[in-house]
């Protein structure tokens, strides 16, 4: 019959019981033998209650071991005991519940684009799991991650995309590990496919000028900002007059992709961009968006901003260069796109022998150590680099 024991060097009761094969077990109940308290009578009452709870736990453990309980029943037993001992129930999170809760938190602290990307990965992962998506989070193993990887490869996704998926999945599982919900993170243990990432090509200076001539209205503003600041499409279409300081000759930007770091970039204004901005009606009103229509439009999709830019690019006579997918069902990679403007400025500066640390101040890739090097003279040095790299655009 089950019993409880005291071990000399432990402050907890130990449950002693036998399983169905008559094997003896001795496990800690984590229930204190001598609870603390200022009142001697209160301590005595608590000690008696703890002894009763420890004995109940030992009896329940033996009962479950000798029977043939379901996993759900065992979880209920443990949760019931925790409720009586710790005054709170143990939560056994399912895969679906944990990932959906994590996504909800991501939506509050990351950009819409980042949230959408993570949500897409989680959705496909849950579909790959099938019924196991509603199993306990601790039941997920490296084999389940491998199954997800295989499914993505069969759909034609390239290793680089899968690597991005795995980085996304690693976050909620790493969180679960820190919270003590799982004993190990299955994502790093999976067999990750080798990848080599495709990169956008820069435009030549003549191609960039042709694209500018082909654009008009808000698109001319967005493209000119992209070429002169190396900002991403989503950032270029969300500038307002409040971000522009014509008197000081710089514009402020907090990139959406790294918004969580709460670091702003200050970028000098190229003379051609300054002349364009001064002519915009939006500059006469504080806080007015420079590209109000583009700022509310979707970036992706068949009629999104990325597609619209490609149409402008092709109208300018810039021929697209495409890389066919490595596998059936994969996506074609276009070497030219709005992101090429980011590559263009960086390449122009590199060819003008601008120091890499200085170029990083435009792209936002520098760390605190790099930023600390350039203090009082940063804007002036950046302005000289910008004007040296890009001749007049008009």
Protein backbone atom coordinates (compact mmCIF):
# COMPACT_ATOMS: atom_id res chain seq x y z
CA UNK A 1 0.00 0.00 0.00
CA UNK A 2 1.16 3.54 -0.75
CA UNK A 3 2.74 5.56 2.03
CA UNK A 4 4.70 8.74 2.64
CA UNK A 5 8.25 8.99 3.95
CA UNK A 6 10.55 11.59 5.43
CA UNK A 7 14.07 11.93 4.07
CA UNK A 8 16.63 13.53 6.37
CA UNK A 9 18.00 16.09 3.93
CA UNK A 10 14.69 17.10 2.31
CA UNK A 11 11.97 19.42 3.58
CA UNK A 12 9.37 17.62 1.42
CA UNK A 13 7.26 14.51 1.93
CA UNK A 14 8.12 11.62 -0.40
CA UNK A 15 5.46 9.37 -1.91
CA UNK A 16 6.25 5.65 -1.80
CA UNK A 17 4.16 3.34 -4.00
CA UNK A 18 4.29 0.34 -6.34
CA UNK A 19 3.26 0.17 -9.99
CA UNK A 20 1.39 -2.63 -11.78
CA UNK A 21 4.62 -4.67 -11.98
CA UNK A 22 5.17 -4.32 -8.21
CA UNK A 23 8.15 -2.05 -8.79
CA UNK A 24 8.74 0.37 -5.92
CA UNK A 25 8.83 4.13 -6.61
CA UNK A 26 9.90 6.99 -4.36
CA UNK A 27 9.20 10.48 -5.63
CA UNK A 28 9.09 13.91 -4.02
CA UNK A 29 5.61 15.40 -3.59
CA UNK A 30 7.08 18.94 -3.27
CA UNK A 31 4.76 19.29 -0.27
CA UNK A 32 6.57 20.72 2.77
CA UNK A 33 6.70 18.70 5.99
CA UNK A 34 7.11 21.76 8.22
CA UNK A 35 5.56 24.84 6.60
CA UNK A 36 6.66 28.28 7.81
CA UNK A 37 4.48 30.71 9.73
CA UNK A 38 4.52 33.00 12.76
CA UNK A 39 1.67 31.27 14.62
CA UNK A 40 2.61 27.87 16.15
CA UNK A 41 -0.98 26.66 16.00
CA UNK A 42 -1.28 27.73 12.37
CA UNK A 43 1.96 25.91 11.49
CA UNK A 44 0.71 22.75 13.17
CA UNK A 45 -2.59 22.85 11.29
CA UNK A 46 -0.80 23.48 7.99
CA UNK A 47 1.65 20.65 8.67
CA UNK A 48 -1.23 18.24 9.32
CA UNK A 49 -2.98 19.36 6.13
CA UNK A 50 0.22 18.95 4.12
CA UNK A 51 0.71 15.43 5.47
CA UNK A 52 -2.84 14.52 4.45
CA UNK A 53 -2.32 15.97 0.95
CA UNK A 54 0.98 14.12 0.55
CA UNK A 55 -0.68 10.85 1.53
CA UNK A 56 -3.52 11.51 -0.91
CA UNK A 57 -1.00 12.18 -3.66
CA UNK A 58 0.82 8.90 -2.92
CA UNK A 59 -2.45 6.94 -3.04
CA UNK A 60 -3.53 8.61 -6.30
CA UNK A 61 -0.15 7.96 -7.90
CA UNK A 62 -0.30 4.27 -6.98
CA UNK A 63 -3.89 4.05 -8.18
CA UNK A 64 -3.02 5.53 -11.54
CA UNK A 65 0.15 3.44 -11.94
CA UNK A 66 -1.69 0.18 -11.23
CA UNK A 67 -4.59 1.00 -13.49
CA UNK A 68 -4.42 1.90 -17.17
CA UNK A 69 -5.22 5.62 -17.16
CA UNK A 70 -5.50 7.77 -20.24
CA UNK A 71 -3.09 10.67 -20.69
CA UNK A 72 -5.93 13.15 -20.25
CA UNK A 73 -6.91 11.51 -16.94
CA UNK A 74 -3.34 11.68 -15.65
CA UNK A 75 -3.17 15.37 -16.47
CA UNK A 76 -6.45 15.90 -14.61
CA UNK A 77 -5.11 14.09 -11.54
CA UNK A 78 -1.95 16.22 -11.49
CA UNK A 79 -3.97 19.40 -12.06
CA UNK A 80 -6.38 18.50 -9.22
CA UNK A 81 -3.53 17.84 -6.80
CA UNK A 82 -1.83 21.12 -7.80
CA UNK A 83 -5.09 22.96 -7.18
CA UNK A 84 -5.27 21.66 -3.61
CA UNK A 85 -1.56 22.00 -2.81
CA UNK A 86 -0.62 25.23 -4.64
CA UNK A 87 -4.08 26.80 -4.89
CA UNK A 88 -3.76 26.90 -8.69
CA UNK A 89 -4.21 24.39 -11.46
CA UNK A 90 -1.37 23.31 -13.73
CA UNK A 91 -2.06 24.31 -17.30
CA UNK A 92 -1.21 21.75 -20.00
CA UNK A 93 -1.19 23.96 -23.10
CA UNK A 94 -1.99 22.40 -26.45
CA UNK A 95 0.07 23.18 -29.52
CA UNK A 96 -2.73 25.16 -31.15
CA UNK A 97 -3.56 27.20 -28.04
CA UNK A 98 0.07 28.08 -27.31
CA UNK A 99 0.84 29.12 -30.89
CA UNK A 100 -2.34 31.18 -31.22
CA UNK A 101 -1.64 32.98 -27.95
CA UNK A 102 1.89 33.67 -29.11
CA UNK A 103 0.60 35.06 -32.41
CA UNK A 104 -1.73 37.40 -30.53
CA UNK A 105 1.22 38.82 -28.60
CA UNK A 106 3.29 39.13 -31.78
CA UNK A 107 0.48 41.16 -33.35
CA UNK A 108 0.77 43.74 -30.57
CA UNK A 109 4.54 44.20 -30.74
CA UNK A 110 5.46 43.67 -34.40
CA UNK A 111 4.54 45.11 -37.77
CA UNK A 112 1.53 43.84 -39.71
CA UNK A 113 3.85 42.28 -42.29
CA UNK A 114 5.80 40.38 -39.62
CA UNK A 115 2.60 39.17 -37.97
CA UNK A 116 1.20 38.02 -41.32
CA UNK A 117 4.38 36.10 -42.11
CA UNK A 118 4.40 34.35 -38.71
CA UNK A 119 0.70 33.58 -38.97
CA UNK A 120 1.22 31.95 -42.36
CA UNK A 121 3.97 29.73 -40.97
CA UNK A 122 1.91 28.73 -37.92
CA UNK A 123 -1.14 27.95 -40.06
CA UNK A 124 0.83 25.61 -42.34
CA UNK A 125 2.55 23.98 -39.36
CA UNK A 126 -0.77 23.22 -37.63
CA UNK A 127 -2.16 21.80 -40.88
CA UNK A 128 0.89 19.56 -41.19
CA UNK A 129 0.40 18.25 -37.63
CA UNK A 130 -3.21 17.21 -38.33
CA UNK A 131 -4.96 15.89 -35.17
CA UNK A 132 -1.73 16.33 -33.21
CA UNK A 133 -2.25 20.10 -33.41
CA UNK A 134 -4.57 19.71 -30.42
CA UNK A 135 -2.18 17.49 -28.47
CA UNK A 136 -0.02 18.69 -25.58
CA UNK A 137 2.75 21.08 -26.52
CA UNK A 138 5.30 18.77 -24.90
CA UNK A 139 4.33 16.00 -27.35
CA UNK A 140 5.89 17.83 -30.31
CA UNK A 141 9.24 16.31 -31.28
CA UNK A 142 11.93 16.93 -33.87
CA UNK A 143 10.16 14.36 -36.08
CA UNK A 144 7.12 16.66 -36.27
CA UNK A 145 9.37 19.53 -37.33
CA UNK A 146 11.01 17.27 -39.93
CA UNK A 147 7.55 16.38 -41.24
CA UNK A 148 6.79 20.10 -41.62
CA UNK A 149 10.07 20.65 -43.47
CA UNK A 150 9.32 17.76 -45.85
CA UNK A 151 5.84 19.13 -46.55
CA UNK A 152 7.28 22.55 -47.38
CA UNK A 153 9.87 21.01 -49.71
CA UNK A 154 7.17 18.98 -51.47
CA UNK A 155 5.21 22.20 -52.04
CA UNK A 156 8.23 23.65 -53.84
CA UNK A 157 9.39 26.03 -51.12
CA UNK A 158 13.11 26.68 -51.33
CA UNK A 159 15.43 26.06 -48.35
CA UNK A 160 15.74 29.79 -47.67
CA UNK A 161 11.99 30.13 -47.18
CA UNK A 162 11.97 27.05 -44.95
CA UNK A 163 14.81 28.49 -42.91
CA UNK A 164 12.66 31.61 -42.34
CA UNK A 165 9.75 29.36 -41.32
CA UNK A 166 11.92 27.54 -38.79
CA UNK A 167 13.16 30.81 -37.29
CA UNK A 168 9.52 31.82 -36.83
CA UNK A 169 8.56 28.48 -35.22
CA UNK A 170 11.58 28.57 -32.95
CA UNK A 171 10.29 31.67 -31.17
CA UNK A 172 7.12 30.22 -29.58
CA UNK A 173 8.84 26.94 -28.73
CA UNK A 174 11.80 28.77 -27.16
CA UNK A 175 9.28 30.79 -25.15
CA UNK A 176 7.58 27.58 -23.99
CA UNK A 177 10.96 26.23 -22.88
CA UNK A 178 11.69 29.37 -20.84
CA UNK A 179 8.24 29.16 -19.25
CA UNK A 180 8.78 25.53 -18.26
CA UNK A 181 5.97 24.22 -20.48
CA UNK A 182 8.32 21.87 -22.33
CA UNK A 183 11.61 20.20 -21.39
CA UNK A 184 13.31 20.76 -24.76
CA UNK A 185 12.84 22.81 -27.92
CA UNK A 186 12.23 20.47 -30.91
CA UNK A 187 12.97 23.07 -33.61
CA UNK A 188 16.80 23.25 -33.41
CA UNK A 189 16.95 19.43 -33.31
CA UNK A 190 15.26 19.11 -36.71
CA UNK A 191 17.22 18.32 -39.87
CA UNK A 192 17.29 21.76 -41.49
CA UNK A 193 17.87 21.84 -45.27
CA UNK A 194 20.92 23.67 -46.56
CA UNK A 195 20.11 27.00 -48.14
CA UNK A 196 21.70 29.71 -50.24
CA UNK A 197 19.70 32.91 -50.37
CA UNK A 198 18.92 34.75 -53.60
CA UNK A 199 19.47 38.48 -53.49
CA UNK A 200 17.97 41.41 -55.34
CA UNK A 201 20.18 43.11 -57.94
CA UNK A 202 20.85 46.84 -57.86
CA UNK A 203 19.69 49.06 -60.69
CA UNK A 204 22.28 50.89 -62.72
CA UNK A 205 22.18 54.64 -62.26
CA UNK A 206 20.64 55.07 -65.72
CA UNK A 207 17.96 52.48 -64.94
CA UNK A 208 17.10 54.29 -61.71
CA UNK A 209 16.73 57.61 -63.55
CA UNK A 210 14.55 55.95 -66.21
CA UNK A 211 12.26 54.56 -63.50
CA UNK A 212 11.98 57.99 -61.93
CA UNK A 213 11.02 59.52 -65.27
CA UNK A 214 8.39 56.81 -65.78
CA UNK A 215 6.78 57.41 -62.37
CA UNK A 216 4.48 60.23 -61.42
CA UNK A 217 2.46 61.46 -58.44
CA UNK A 218 2.92 59.59 -55.19
CA UNK A 219 5.01 56.90 -56.85
CA UNK A 220 7.66 59.42 -57.89
CA UNK A 221 7.84 60.55 -54.26
CA UNK A 222 8.14 56.99 -52.91
CA UNK A 223 10.76 55.94 -55.48
CA UNK A 224 12.86 59.06 -54.95
CA UNK A 225 12.78 58.49 -51.18
CA UNK A 226 13.75 54.84 -51.67
CA UNK A 227 16.67 55.70 -53.92
CA UNK A 228 17.99 58.48 -51.67
CA UNK A 229 17.50 56.80 -48.28
CA UNK A 230 17.70 53.02 -48.92
CA UNK A 231 14.42 52.68 -47.00
CA UNK A 232 12.12 49.72 -47.59
CA UNK A 233 8.85 50.04 -49.54
CA UNK A 234 6.61 50.02 -46.46
CA UNK A 235 8.67 52.80 -44.88
CA UNK A 236 8.91 54.90 -48.05
CA UNK A 237 5.12 55.04 -48.36
CA UNK A 238 4.55 56.04 -44.73
CA UNK A 239 6.55 59.24 -44.38
CA UNK A 240 4.73 62.35 -43.22
CA UNK A 241 5.74 66.00 -43.23
CA UNK A 242 6.59 65.65 -39.53
CA UNK A 243 9.43 63.28 -40.45
CA UNK A 244 11.04 65.89 -42.68
CA UNK A 245 13.22 68.70 -41.33
CA UNK A 246 14.14 70.83 -44.30
CA UNK A 247 15.87 73.46 -42.16
CA UNK A 248 18.24 70.88 -40.67
CA UNK A 249 18.39 68.98 -43.94
CA UNK A 250 17.49 65.53 -42.65
CA UNK A 251 14.56 63.11 -42.35
CA UNK A 252 13.76 60.75 -39.48
CA UNK A 253 12.81 57.10 -39.90
CA UNK A 254 11.96 54.25 -37.55
CA UNK A 255 12.05 51.18 -39.84
CA UNK A 256 8.99 48.95 -39.52
CA UNK A 257 11.09 45.80 -39.71
CA UNK A 258 13.14 46.74 -36.62
CA UNK A 259 10.55 48.88 -34.84
CA UNK A 260 10.82 46.72 -31.74
CA UNK A 261 14.36 48.04 -31.15
CA UNK A 262 12.92 51.57 -30.82
CA UNK A 263 15.82 53.09 -32.76
CA UNK A 264 15.37 55.94 -35.22
CA UNK A 265 17.53 56.68 -38.24
CA UNK A 266 18.40 60.22 -39.24
CA UNK A 267 19.19 60.46 -42.93
CA UNK A 268 20.41 63.57 -44.78
CA UNK A 269 18.21 64.78 -47.62
CA UNK A 270 19.69 64.60 -51.11
CA UNK A 271 19.34 67.90 -53.04
CA UNK A 272 17.12 66.29 -55.70
CA UNK A 273 14.83 64.85 -53.01
CA UNK A 274 14.78 68.20 -51.19
CA UNK A 275 13.63 70.03 -54.33
CA UNK A 276 10.89 67.44 -54.86
CA UNK A 277 9.69 67.61 -51.25
CA UNK A 278 9.53 71.41 -51.23
CA UNK A 279 7.06 71.26 -54.11
CA UNK A 280 4.69 68.85 -52.34
CA UNK A 281 1.49 70.37 -50.89
CA UNK A 282 1.72 67.92 -47.97
CA UNK A 283 4.83 69.72 -46.69
CA UNK A 284 2.67 72.76 -45.84
CA UNK A 285 0.61 70.80 -43.30
CA UNK A 286 2.05 69.36 -40.10
CA UNK A 287 1.80 65.56 -39.97
CA UNK A 288 0.35 65.20 -43.48
CA UNK A 289 1.29 61.91 -45.21
CA UNK A 290 3.49 62.38 -48.27
CA UNK A 291 1.91 59.41 -50.08
CA UNK A 292 -1.57 58.96 -48.52
CA UNK A 293 -2.93 56.54 -51.13
CA UNK A 294 0.16 54.34 -51.26
CA UNK A 295 0.41 54.36 -47.47
CA UNK A 296 -2.95 52.60 -47.09
CA UNK A 297 -2.44 50.06 -49.89
CA UNK A 298 -1.24 46.46 -49.47
CA UNK A 299 2.34 45.74 -50.41
CA UNK A 300 1.84 42.17 -51.63
CA UNK A 301 -0.68 40.55 -53.92
CA UNK A 302 -1.40 40.76 -57.63
CA UNK A 303 -2.36 44.44 -57.43
CA UNK A 304 -0.22 45.41 -54.42
CA UNK A 305 2.50 48.03 -54.30
CA UNK A 306 5.28 45.59 -55.24
CA UNK A 307 3.41 44.63 -58.40
CA UNK A 308 2.67 48.28 -59.22
CA UNK A 309 6.36 49.14 -58.94
CA UNK A 310 7.29 46.33 -61.33
CA UNK A 311 4.81 47.76 -63.85
CA UNK A 312 6.50 51.18 -63.53
CA UNK A 313 9.90 49.54 -63.88
CA UNK A 314 8.88 47.66 -67.03
CA UNK A 315 7.30 50.81 -68.50
CA UNK A 316 10.71 52.45 -68.03
CA UNK A 317 12.27 49.74 -70.20
CA UNK A 318 13.99 47.87 -67.36
CA UNK A 319 13.90 44.18 -68.22
CA UNK A 320 13.13 41.86 -65.33
CA UNK A 321 15.60 39.08 -64.51
CA UNK A 322 13.92 36.02 -63.03
CA UNK A 323 15.24 32.86 -61.39
CA UNK A 324 13.08 29.79 -61.98
CA UNK A 325 12.13 27.72 -58.91
CA UNK A 326 14.37 24.77 -58.13
CA UNK A 327 11.36 22.50 -57.61
CA UNK A 328 7.91 22.14 -59.09
CA UNK A 329 5.42 24.34 -57.29
CA UNK A 330 8.06 26.78 -56.08
CA UNK A 331 8.07 30.51 -56.63
CA UNK A 332 9.95 32.42 -59.29
CA UNK A 333 12.43 34.90 -57.81
CA UNK A 334 12.59 38.32 -59.45
CA UNK A 335 16.00 39.96 -59.28
CA UNK A 336 14.50 43.45 -59.64
CA UNK A 337 11.93 45.06 -57.36
CA UNK A 338 11.50 48.07 -55.10
CA UNK A 339 14.03 46.53 -52.71
CA UNK A 340 16.58 46.91 -55.52
CA UNK A 341 16.61 50.65 -54.75
CA UNK A 342 18.04 49.77 -51.35
CA UNK A 343 20.75 47.74 -53.05
CA UNK A 344 21.30 50.54 -55.56
CA UNK A 345 22.21 53.23 -53.02
CA UNK A 346 24.43 50.85 -51.08
CA UNK A 347 26.20 49.75 -54.28
CA UNK A 348 26.63 53.33 -55.51
CA UNK A 349 28.24 54.23 -52.19
CA UNK A 350 30.45 51.15 -52.24
CA UNK A 351 31.65 52.02 -55.72
CA UNK A 352 32.36 55.56 -54.49
CA UNK A 353 34.57 54.07 -51.76
CA UNK A 354 32.25 55.08 -48.93
CA UNK A 355 33.25 53.22 -45.76
CA UNK A 356 30.99 50.23 -44.88
CA UNK A 357 30.28 51.63 -41.40
CA UNK A 358 28.97 54.84 -42.96
CA UNK A 359 26.82 52.93 -45.45
CA UNK A 360 25.25 51.02 -42.56
CA UNK A 361 23.93 54.29 -41.15
CA UNK A 362 21.70 54.54 -44.22
CA UNK A 363 20.58 50.92 -44.30
CA UNK A 364 20.15 50.71 -40.53
CA UNK A 365 22.32 47.59 -40.32
CA UNK A 366 24.86 49.15 -37.92
CA UNK A 367 24.94 48.34 -34.21
CA UNK A 368 25.40 50.68 -31.24
CA UNK A 369 29.19 50.48 -31.47
CA UNK A 370 29.14 51.65 -35.08
CA UNK A 371 26.69 54.47 -34.32
CA UNK A 372 28.83 55.64 -31.40
CA UNK A 373 31.77 56.25 -33.73
CA UNK A 374 29.83 58.94 -35.60
CA UNK A 375 28.52 61.51 -33.16
CA UNK A 376 28.65 65.24 -33.88
CA UNK A 377 29.74 65.10 -37.50
CA UNK A 378 27.49 62.16 -38.55
CA UNK A 379 24.91 64.06 -40.61
CA UNK A 380 27.47 66.19 -42.40
CA UNK A 381 29.63 63.18 -43.23
CA UNK A 382 26.58 61.26 -44.42
CA UNK A 383 25.44 64.23 -46.50
CA UNK A 384 28.81 64.43 -48.25
CA UNK A 385 28.70 60.68 -48.91
CA UNK A 386 25.16 60.91 -50.31
CA UNK A 387 25.90 63.84 -52.61
CA UNK A 388 29.13 62.22 -53.75
CA UNK A 389 27.40 58.95 -54.58
CA UNK A 390 24.30 60.26 -56.36
CA UNK A 391 24.66 63.04 -58.93
CA UNK A 392 21.67 65.26 -59.71
CA UNK A 393 18.57 63.20 -60.42
CA UNK A 394 16.72 65.89 -62.36
